[in-house]
Amino acid sequence: MFQKILVALDKSEVSNQVFQAALDLAKSDHASLLLLHVLSFEEEDYPIVVGHTSLNYNSEGMDSAIKQFDQQWRAYEHQGIEMLKSRTTTATAAGVPTEYIQCLGGPGACICANAREWGADLVVIGRRRLSILRELVLGSVSNYVIHHAPCNVLTVQSIVQKNVHAELLQAAELSP
């Protein structure tokens, strides 16, 4: 049914479930995978610049902050590539033709652009159930992709989140 499956991955818990769902589907449909990681400020380990409070931007403090950011950025990029390489190796070992790409930008727009460019007929993406406030401020990547992707979209619900909600409901039932 599907021949080209784009798999949107990040470093969250649900990403493991997303990868496994896409891999299982690719094996059953004899499809190929494109694993995609977006370098985005929305990820928890995105490096930030710790600026110098002085107005003298040529100071050693500012130079040090820039060097520190550069080191953090390179490590952040490297971690993303290593995650993609590892999952590519797993998929290839399972007999699934797999490529990977890492890009910089807004996750939703990057996912949709790469799906369009690669000719994907399915995007597999995770859904973390953000808090209402966080979703209002940041928006939902999965919601964006559902509405803008050039192909079908499969969202994988976070099992971790479901368990947290179940525990909260159970705790509420036990309270007086």
N, C-alpha and C. Protein backbone atom coordinates (compact mmCIF):
# COMPACT_ATOMS: atom_id res chain seq x y z
N MET A 1 0.82 -1.19 0.00
CA MET A 1 0.00 0.00 0.00
C MET A 1 0.87 1.26 0.00
N PHE A 2 1.81 1.37 0.95
CA PHE A 2 2.71 2.53 1.00
C PHE A 2 4.08 2.11 0.48
N GLN A 3 4.70 2.99 -0.29
CA GLN A 3 6.01 2.69 -0.86
C GLN A 3 7.12 3.54 -0.26
N LYS A 4 6.80 4.78 0.10
CA LYS A 4 7.80 5.71 0.63
C LYS A 4 7.26 6.34 1.91
N ILE A 5 7.87 5.96 3.03
CA ILE A 5 7.39 6.41 4.33
C ILE A 5 8.42 7.33 4.97
N LEU A 6 8.03 8.57 5.21
CA LEU A 6 8.88 9.52 5.92
C LEU A 6 8.59 9.37 7.41
N VAL A 7 9.64 9.20 8.20
CA VAL A 7 9.49 8.98 9.63
C VAL A 7 10.10 10.17 10.37
N ALA A 8 9.26 10.96 11.03
CA ALA A 8 9.72 12.14 11.77
C ALA A 8 10.15 11.71 13.16
N LEU A 9 11.44 11.89 13.46
CA LEU A 9 12.00 11.44 14.73
C LEU A 9 12.60 12.60 15.50
N ASP A 10 12.52 12.49 16.81
CA ASP A 10 13.23 13.41 17.69
C ASP A 10 13.81 12.58 18.82
N LYS A 11 14.16 13.21 19.91
CA LYS A 11 14.80 12.48 21.00
C LYS A 11 13.82 12.20 22.15
N SER A 12 12.53 12.26 21.87
CA SER A 12 11.52 12.02 22.89
C SER A 12 11.25 10.53 23.05
N GLU A 13 10.53 10.19 24.11
CA GLU A 13 10.15 8.80 24.37
C GLU A 13 9.29 8.24 23.24
N VAL A 14 8.36 9.02 22.74
CA VAL A 14 7.44 8.54 21.70
C VAL A 14 8.17 8.24 20.39
N SER A 15 9.34 8.80 20.21
CA SER A 15 10.10 8.60 18.98
C SER A 15 10.44 7.12 18.77
N ASN A 16 10.72 6.39 19.83
CA ASN A 16 11.00 4.96 19.72
C ASN A 16 9.78 4.22 19.17
N GLN A 17 8.60 4.60 19.66
CA GLN A 17 7.35 3.98 19.21
C GLN A 17 7.07 4.35 17.75
N VAL A 18 7.36 5.58 17.38
CA VAL A 18 7.17 6.04 16.01
C VAL A 18 8.04 5.22 15.06
N PHE A 19 9.31 5.08 15.42
CA PHE A 19 10.24 4.32 14.58
C PHE A 19 9.78 2.88 14.43
N GLN A 20 9.40 2.25 15.53
CA GLN A 20 8.99 0.85 15.46
C GLN A 20 7.73 0.66 14.62
N ALA A 21 6.77 1.57 14.77
CA ALA A 21 5.53 1.49 13.97
C ALA A 21 5.85 1.64 12.48
N ALA A 22 6.71 2.59 12.15
CA ALA A 22 7.08 2.81 10.74
C ALA A 22 7.85 1.62 10.19
N LEU A 23 8.75 1.07 10.98
CA LEU A 23 9.54 -0.08 10.55
C LEU A 23 8.64 -1.28 10.29
N ASP A 24 7.71 -1.54 11.20
CA ASP A 24 6.78 -2.66 11.02
C ASP A 24 5.94 -2.48 9.75
N LEU A 25 5.47 -1.27 9.53
CA LEU A 25 4.66 -0.97 8.34
C LEU A 25 5.50 -1.12 7.07
N ALA A 26 6.72 -0.62 7.10
CA ALA A 26 7.60 -0.72 5.93
C ALA A 26 7.91 -2.17 5.59
N LYS A 27 8.13 -2.99 6.62
CA LYS A 27 8.40 -4.41 6.36
C LYS A 27 7.19 -5.09 5.73
N SER A 28 6.00 -4.80 6.24
CA SER A 28 4.81 -5.47 5.71
C SER A 28 4.44 -4.97 4.31
N ASP A 29 4.73 -3.71 4.01
CA ASP A 29 4.39 -3.14 2.70
C ASP A 29 5.55 -3.15 1.70
N HIS A 30 6.71 -3.64 2.13
CA HIS A 30 7.93 -3.61 1.30
C HIS A 30 8.23 -2.17 0.86
N ALA A 31 8.13 -1.27 1.80
CA ALA A 31 8.34 0.16 1.54
C ALA A 31 9.76 0.58 1.94
N SER A 32 10.15 1.75 1.50
CA SER A 32 11.43 2.33 1.93
C SER A 32 11.14 3.46 2.92
N LEU A 33 12.12 3.74 3.76
CA LEU A 33 11.98 4.76 4.80
C LEU A 33 12.93 5.92 4.56
N LEU A 34 12.46 7.10 4.92
CA LEU A 34 13.32 8.27 5.04
C LEU A 34 13.17 8.74 6.48
N LEU A 35 14.23 8.59 7.27
CA LEU A 35 14.22 9.03 8.66
C LEU A 35 14.63 10.49 8.69
N LEU A 36 13.84 11.30 9.37
CA LEU A 36 14.06 12.74 9.40
C LEU A 36 14.14 13.24 10.84
N HIS A 37 15.19 13.98 11.13
CA HIS A 37 15.31 14.68 12.42
C HIS A 37 15.44 16.16 12.12
N VAL A 38 14.67 16.96 12.83
CA VAL A 38 14.72 18.41 12.64
C VAL A 38 15.42 19.04 13.84
N LEU A 39 16.47 19.79 13.57
CA LEU A 39 17.15 20.56 14.60
C LEU A 39 16.24 21.75 14.90
N SER A 40 15.64 21.76 16.09
CA SER A 40 14.62 22.75 16.40
C SER A 40 14.72 23.21 17.84
N PHE A 41 14.38 24.47 18.06
CA PHE A 41 14.38 25.02 19.42
C PHE A 41 13.33 24.34 20.30
N GLU A 42 12.42 23.59 19.70
CA GLU A 42 11.38 22.92 20.47
C GLU A 42 11.88 21.68 21.19
N GLU A 43 13.06 21.18 20.81
CA GLU A 43 13.62 20.03 21.51
C GLU A 43 14.24 20.49 22.82
N GLU A 44 14.15 19.62 23.82
CA GLU A 44 14.62 19.99 25.15
C GLU A 44 16.12 20.24 25.21
N ASP A 45 16.90 19.56 24.40
CA ASP A 45 18.36 19.72 24.47
C ASP A 45 18.92 20.69 23.43
N TYR A 46 18.04 21.52 22.85
CA TYR A 46 18.48 22.54 21.89
C TYR A 46 19.42 23.50 22.63
N PRO A 47 20.61 23.75 22.09
CA PRO A 47 21.55 24.64 22.79
C PRO A 47 21.06 26.09 22.79
N ILE A 48 21.36 26.78 23.87
CA ILE A 48 20.99 28.19 23.97
C ILE A 48 22.24 29.03 24.18
N VAL A 49 22.18 30.25 23.73
CA VAL A 49 23.29 31.18 23.92
C VAL A 49 23.13 31.83 25.28
N VAL A 50 24.17 31.70 26.09
CA VAL A 50 24.19 32.40 27.36
C VAL A 50 24.97 33.67 27.12
N GLY A 51 24.25 34.76 26.96
CA GLY A 51 24.87 36.03 26.58
C GLY A 51 25.60 36.70 27.72
N HIS A 52 26.39 37.66 27.36
CA HIS A 52 27.13 38.47 28.31
C HIS A 52 26.29 39.71 28.58
N THR A 53 26.20 40.14 29.84
CA THR A 53 25.33 41.26 30.19
C THR A 53 25.93 42.62 29.86
N SER A 54 27.21 42.65 29.57
CA SER A 54 27.87 43.90 29.24
C SER A 54 27.46 44.38 27.85
N LEU A 55 27.51 45.69 27.65
CA LEU A 55 27.21 46.24 26.33
C LEU A 55 28.40 46.11 25.38
N ASN A 56 29.54 45.71 25.91
CA ASN A 56 30.74 45.55 25.10
C ASN A 56 30.70 44.16 24.45
N TYR A 57 30.21 44.09 23.21
CA TYR A 57 30.04 42.80 22.55
C TYR A 57 31.35 42.20 22.05
N ASN A 58 32.45 42.92 22.16
CA ASN A 58 33.75 42.37 21.77
C ASN A 58 34.50 41.80 22.96
N SER A 59 33.84 41.70 24.07
CA SER A 59 34.49 41.24 25.29
C SER A 59 34.83 39.75 25.22
N GLU A 60 35.73 39.35 26.09
CA GLU A 60 36.10 37.94 26.18
C GLU A 60 34.91 37.10 26.61
N GLY A 61 34.04 37.67 27.43
CA GLY A 61 32.86 36.95 27.89
C GLY A 61 31.95 36.56 26.74
N MET A 62 31.77 37.48 25.81
CA MET A 62 30.92 37.20 24.65
C MET A 62 31.59 36.17 23.75
N ASP A 63 32.89 36.30 23.54
CA ASP A 63 33.62 35.32 22.73
C ASP A 63 33.52 33.93 23.35
N SER A 64 33.64 33.88 24.66
CA SER A 64 33.53 32.60 25.36
C SER A 64 32.13 32.00 25.21
N ALA A 65 31.10 32.85 25.31
CA ALA A 65 29.72 32.38 25.16
C ALA A 65 29.48 31.84 23.76
N ILE A 66 30.04 32.51 22.76
CA ILE A 66 29.87 32.07 21.37
C ILE A 66 30.59 30.74 21.15
N LYS A 67 31.80 30.60 21.70
CA LYS A 67 32.53 29.34 21.56
C LYS A 67 31.79 28.21 22.26
N GLN A 68 31.25 28.50 23.43
CA GLN A 68 30.50 27.49 24.17
C GLN A 68 29.26 27.06 23.38
N PHE A 69 28.55 28.03 22.82
CA PHE A 69 27.37 27.71 22.01
C PHE A 69 27.77 26.86 20.81
N ASP A 70 28.87 27.23 20.15
CA ASP A 70 29.33 26.49 18.97
C ASP A 70 29.62 25.04 19.33
N GLN A 71 30.25 24.80 20.47
CA GLN A 71 30.53 23.43 20.91
C GLN A 71 29.23 22.68 21.20
N GLN A 72 28.29 23.35 21.88
CA GLN A 72 27.01 22.72 22.19
C GLN A 72 26.24 22.41 20.90
N TRP A 73 26.29 23.34 19.95
CA TRP A 73 25.58 23.14 18.68
C TRP A 73 26.13 21.94 17.93
N ARG A 74 27.47 21.84 17.86
CA ARG A 74 28.09 20.72 17.16
C ARG A 74 27.71 19.39 17.82
N ALA A 75 27.69 19.37 19.15
CA ALA A 75 27.29 18.16 19.87
C ALA A 75 25.83 17.82 19.60
N TYR A 76 24.98 18.84 19.57
CA TYR A 76 23.55 18.66 19.29
C TYR A 76 23.34 18.07 17.89
N GLU A 77 24.02 18.62 16.89
CA GLU A 77 23.95 18.09 15.53
C GLU A 77 24.44 16.64 15.47
N HIS A 78 25.56 16.39 16.14
CA HIS A 78 26.17 15.06 16.13
C HIS A 78 25.23 14.03 16.76
N GLN A 79 24.59 14.39 17.88
CA GLN A 79 23.66 13.46 18.54
C GLN A 79 22.50 13.10 17.61
N GLY A 80 22.00 14.09 16.89
CA GLY A 80 20.92 13.83 15.94
C GLY A 80 21.34 12.88 14.83
N ILE A 81 22.50 13.12 14.26
CA ILE A 81 23.01 12.26 13.19
C ILE A 81 23.26 10.85 13.70
N GLU A 82 23.83 10.73 14.89
CA GLU A 82 24.09 9.40 15.46
C GLU A 82 22.79 8.63 15.70
N MET A 83 21.75 9.32 16.17
CA MET A 83 20.45 8.69 16.37
C MET A 83 19.91 8.19 15.03
N LEU A 84 20.02 9.02 13.99
CA LEU A 84 19.55 8.63 12.66
C LEU A 84 20.35 7.46 12.09
N LYS A 85 21.67 7.49 12.25
CA LYS A 85 22.51 6.39 11.76
C LYS A 85 22.16 5.08 12.45
N SER A 86 21.96 5.14 13.76
CA SER A 86 21.63 3.94 14.53
C SER A 86 20.32 3.32 14.05
N ARG A 87 19.32 4.15 13.86
CA ARG A 87 18.02 3.64 13.42
C ARG A 87 18.07 3.19 11.95
N THR A 88 18.89 3.85 11.15
CA THR A 88 19.07 3.41 9.76
C THR A 88 19.70 2.02 9.73
N THR A 89 20.67 1.79 10.58
CA THR A 89 21.31 0.48 10.67
C THR A 89 20.30 -0.59 11.07
N THR A 90 19.46 -0.27 12.05
CA THR A 90 18.42 -1.21 12.51
C THR A 90 17.45 -1.54 11.37
N ALA A 91 16.98 -0.52 10.67
CA ALA A 91 16.01 -0.74 9.59
C ALA A 91 16.64 -1.51 8.43
N THR A 92 17.86 -1.16 8.08
CA THR A 92 18.55 -1.84 6.99
C THR A 92 18.77 -3.31 7.33
N ALA A 93 19.13 -3.58 8.58
CA ALA A 93 19.32 -4.97 9.03
C ALA A 93 18.01 -5.75 8.96
N ALA A 94 16.89 -5.06 9.07
CA ALA A 94 15.57 -5.70 8.97
C ALA A 94 15.12 -5.83 7.52
N GLY A 95 15.97 -5.43 6.58
CA GLY A 95 15.66 -5.57 5.16
C GLY A 95 14.88 -4.42 4.56
N VAL A 96 14.85 -3.29 5.25
CA VAL A 96 14.10 -2.12 4.76
C VAL A 96 15.07 -1.08 4.21
N PRO A 97 14.95 -0.73 2.93
CA PRO A 97 15.81 0.33 2.38
C PRO A 97 15.55 1.64 3.13
N THR A 98 16.61 2.22 3.66
CA THR A 98 16.45 3.38 4.53
C THR A 98 17.50 4.44 4.25
N GLU A 99 17.04 5.68 4.22
CA GLU A 99 17.90 6.86 4.11
C GLU A 99 17.62 7.73 5.33
N TYR A 100 18.47 8.73 5.56
CA TYR A 100 18.18 9.68 6.63
C TYR A 100 18.60 11.07 6.22
N ILE A 101 17.97 12.03 6.89
CA ILE A 101 18.29 13.44 6.65
C ILE A 101 18.04 14.21 7.95
N GLN A 102 18.86 15.23 8.16
CA GLN A 102 18.67 16.12 9.31
C GLN A 102 18.62 17.54 8.76
N CYS A 103 17.63 18.30 9.21
CA CYS A 103 17.51 19.68 8.72
C CYS A 103 17.25 20.62 9.89
N LEU A 104 17.36 21.89 9.61
CA LEU A 104 17.19 22.94 10.62
C LEU A 104 15.96 23.74 10.28
N GLY A 105 15.12 23.99 11.29
CA GLY A 105 13.95 24.84 11.06
C GLY A 105 12.78 24.45 11.93
N GLY A 106 11.62 24.93 11.54
CA GLY A 106 10.40 24.56 12.23
C GLY A 106 10.06 23.12 11.88
N PRO A 107 9.80 22.28 12.88
CA PRO A 107 9.58 20.86 12.61
C PRO A 107 8.45 20.58 11.61
N GLY A 108 7.31 21.20 11.79
CA GLY A 108 6.18 20.94 10.89
C GLY A 108 6.49 21.27 9.45
N ALA A 109 7.04 22.46 9.23
CA ALA A 109 7.37 22.89 7.86
C ALA A 109 8.45 22.01 7.25
N CYS A 110 9.47 21.64 8.02
CA CYS A 110 10.54 20.78 7.50
C CYS A 110 10.02 19.39 7.14
N ILE A 111 9.15 18.85 7.99
CA ILE A 111 8.59 17.53 7.72
C ILE A 111 7.79 17.56 6.42
N CYS A 112 6.92 18.54 6.29
CA CYS A 112 6.07 18.63 5.08
C CYS A 112 6.89 18.88 3.83
N ALA A 113 7.89 19.75 3.92
CA ALA A 113 8.74 20.05 2.75
C ALA A 113 9.52 18.81 2.31
N ASN A 114 10.06 18.06 3.26
CA ASN A 114 10.81 16.86 2.91
C ASN A 114 9.90 15.76 2.38
N ALA A 115 8.69 15.66 2.91
CA ALA A 115 7.72 14.68 2.40
C ALA A 115 7.38 15.00 0.95
N ARG A 116 7.21 16.26 0.66
CA ARG A 116 6.88 16.70 -0.70
C ARG A 116 8.07 16.43 -1.64
N GLU A 117 9.26 16.85 -1.21
CA GLU A 117 10.45 16.72 -2.05
C GLU A 117 10.80 15.26 -2.33
N TRP A 118 10.66 14.39 -1.34
CA TRP A 118 11.02 12.98 -1.47
C TRP A 118 9.91 12.17 -2.15
N GLY A 119 8.71 12.73 -2.19
CA GLY A 119 7.58 12.01 -2.78
C GLY A 119 6.99 10.97 -1.85
N ALA A 120 6.99 11.26 -0.56
CA ALA A 120 6.45 10.32 0.43
C ALA A 120 4.95 10.12 0.21
N ASP A 121 4.50 8.89 0.45
CA ASP A 121 3.06 8.67 0.42
C ASP A 121 2.50 8.46 1.83
N LEU A 122 3.38 8.52 2.84
CA LEU A 122 2.95 8.46 4.24
C LEU A 122 4.00 9.15 5.11
N VAL A 123 3.53 9.92 6.08
CA VAL A 123 4.39 10.48 7.13
C VAL A 123 3.97 9.83 8.43
N VAL A 124 4.93 9.32 9.18
CA VAL A 124 4.66 8.77 10.51
C VAL A 124 5.28 9.72 11.52
N ILE A 125 4.46 10.17 12.45
CA ILE A 125 4.88 11.19 13.42
C ILE A 125 4.30 10.86 14.79
N GLY A 126 4.98 11.28 15.83
CA GLY A 126 4.49 11.06 17.18
C GLY A 126 3.61 12.20 17.66
N ARG A 127 2.83 11.88 18.67
CA ARG A 127 1.98 12.88 19.31
C ARG A 127 2.18 12.73 20.80
N ARG A 128 2.62 13.81 21.44
CA ARG A 128 2.97 13.75 22.86
C ARG A 128 1.91 14.26 23.81
N ARG A 129 0.83 14.79 23.30
CA ARG A 129 -0.20 15.39 24.15
C ARG A 129 0.40 16.49 25.03
N LEU A 130 0.77 17.56 24.41
CA LEU A 130 1.30 18.70 25.14
C LEU A 130 0.22 19.28 26.04
N SER A 131 0.64 19.99 27.06
CA SER A 131 -0.34 20.69 27.89
C SER A 131 -1.03 21.72 27.01
N ILE A 132 -2.23 22.10 27.39
CA ILE A 132 -3.00 23.05 26.59
C ILE A 132 -2.23 24.36 26.43
N LEU A 133 -1.62 24.85 27.50
CA LEU A 133 -0.86 26.10 27.44
C LEU A 133 0.32 25.97 26.48
N ARG A 134 1.07 24.88 26.60
CA ARG A 134 2.25 24.70 25.74
C ARG A 134 1.82 24.57 24.28
N GLU A 135 0.71 23.88 24.04
CA GLU A 135 0.24 23.72 22.66
C GLU A 135 -0.21 25.06 22.09
N LEU A 136 -0.82 25.91 22.93
CA LEU A 136 -1.23 27.23 22.46
C LEU A 136 -0.03 28.11 22.12
N VAL A 137 1.02 28.01 22.94
CA VAL A 137 2.20 28.84 22.73
C VAL A 137 3.05 28.31 21.58
N LEU A 138 3.37 27.02 21.60
CA LEU A 138 4.27 26.44 20.60
C LEU A 138 3.54 25.87 19.39
N GLY A 139 2.29 25.51 19.58
CA GLY A 139 1.58 24.81 18.52
C GLY A 139 1.92 23.33 18.57
N SER A 140 1.16 22.54 17.89
CA SER A 140 1.38 21.10 17.85
C SER A 140 1.98 20.74 16.50
N VAL A 141 3.14 20.11 16.53
CA VAL A 141 3.79 19.70 15.28
C VAL A 141 2.91 18.70 14.54
N SER A 142 2.37 17.72 15.27
CA SER A 142 1.55 16.71 14.60
C SER A 142 0.31 17.34 13.97
N ASN A 143 -0.30 18.30 14.64
CA ASN A 143 -1.47 18.98 14.08
C ASN A 143 -1.09 19.75 12.81
N TYR A 144 0.04 20.42 12.83
CA TYR A 144 0.52 21.14 11.65
C TYR A 144 0.71 20.17 10.47
N VAL A 145 1.38 19.06 10.75
CA VAL A 145 1.68 18.10 9.69
C VAL A 145 0.39 17.49 9.12
N ILE A 146 -0.55 17.17 9.99
CA ILE A 146 -1.83 16.60 9.53
C ILE A 146 -2.50 17.55 8.54
N HIS A 147 -2.42 18.84 8.80
CA HIS A 147 -3.11 19.82 7.96
C HIS A 147 -2.31 20.31 6.75
N HIS A 148 -0.99 20.06 6.72
CA HIS A 148 -0.17 20.60 5.63
C HIS A 148 0.61 19.56 4.82
N ALA A 149 0.63 18.32 5.26
CA ALA A 149 1.40 17.30 4.55
C ALA A 149 0.78 17.00 3.18
N PRO A 150 1.62 16.68 2.20
CA PRO A 150 1.12 16.37 0.86
C PRO A 150 0.65 14.92 0.71
N CYS A 151 0.57 14.20 1.84
CA CYS A 151 0.24 12.78 1.78
C CYS A 151 -0.48 12.37 3.07
N ASN A 152 -0.75 11.07 3.20
CA ASN A 152 -1.36 10.56 4.42
C ASN A 152 -0.41 10.73 5.60
N VAL A 153 -1.00 10.85 6.80
CA VAL A 153 -0.22 11.01 8.02
C VAL A 153 -0.72 10.01 9.06
N LEU A 154 0.21 9.28 9.65
CA LEU A 154 -0.09 8.36 10.75
C LEU A 154 0.51 8.94 12.01
N THR A 155 -0.34 9.23 13.00
CA THR A 155 0.18 9.72 14.28
C THR A 155 0.24 8.57 15.27
N VAL A 156 1.34 8.50 15.99
CA VAL A 156 1.55 7.47 16.99
C VAL A 156 1.43 8.13 18.35
N GLN A 157 0.45 7.70 19.11
CA GLN A 157 0.19 8.28 20.44
C GLN A 157 1.23 7.79 21.43
N SER A 158 1.69 8.66 22.27
CA SER A 158 2.67 8.32 23.29
C SER A 158 2.06 7.38 24.33
N ILE A 159 2.63 6.19 24.45
CA ILE A 159 2.19 5.24 25.47
C ILE A 159 2.54 5.77 26.84
N VAL A 160 3.69 6.42 26.95
CA VAL A 160 4.13 6.99 28.23
C VAL A 160 3.08 7.97 28.74
N GLN A 161 2.59 8.86 27.89
CA GLN A 161 1.58 9.83 28.30
C GLN A 161 0.29 9.15 28.72
N LYS A 162 -0.11 8.11 27.99
CA LYS A 162 -1.33 7.40 28.35
C LYS A 162 -1.20 6.82 29.75
N ASN A 163 -0.03 6.26 30.07
CA ASN A 163 0.17 5.69 31.39
C ASN A 163 0.12 6.76 32.47
N VAL A 164 0.68 7.93 32.21
CA VAL A 164 0.65 9.03 33.17
C VAL A 164 -0.79 9.44 33.42
N HIS A 165 -1.58 9.58 32.35
CA HIS A 165 -2.98 9.96 32.51
C HIS A 165 -3.76 8.88 33.26
N ALA A 166 -3.47 7.62 33.00
CA ALA A 166 -4.15 6.53 33.71
C ALA A 166 -3.83 6.58 35.19
N GLU A 167 -2.56 6.85 35.52
CA GLU A 167 -2.16 6.95 36.92
C GLU A 167 -2.85 8.13 37.61
N LEU A 168 -2.96 9.25 36.91
CA LEU A 168 -3.64 10.42 37.48
C LEU A 168 -5.11 10.13 37.72
N LEU A 169 -5.75 9.46 36.77
CA LEU A 169 -7.16 9.10 36.93
C LEU A 169 -7.34 8.14 38.09
N GLN A 170 -6.45 7.17 38.20
CA GLN A 170 -6.53 6.21 39.29
C GLN A 170 -6.32 6.91 40.63
N ALA A 171 -5.38 7.83 40.71
CA ALA A 171 -5.13 8.58 41.94
C ALA A 171 -6.34 9.42 42.30
N ALA A 172 -6.99 10.01 41.31
CA ALA A 172 -8.18 10.83 41.56
C ALA A 172 -9.33 9.99 42.10
N GLU A 173 -9.45 8.75 41.60
CA GLU A 173 -10.50 7.87 42.07
C GLU A 173 -10.26 7.42 43.51
N LEU A 174 -9.00 7.32 43.90
CA LEU A 174 -8.66 6.87 45.25
C LEU A 174 -8.74 7.98 46.29
N SER A 175 -8.69 9.23 45.84
CA SER A 175 -8.71 10.34 46.80
C SER A 175 -10.13 10.55 47.32
N PRO A 176 -10.24 11.01 48.60
CA PRO A 176 -11.58 11.19 49.20
C PRO A 176 -12.37 12.32 48.59
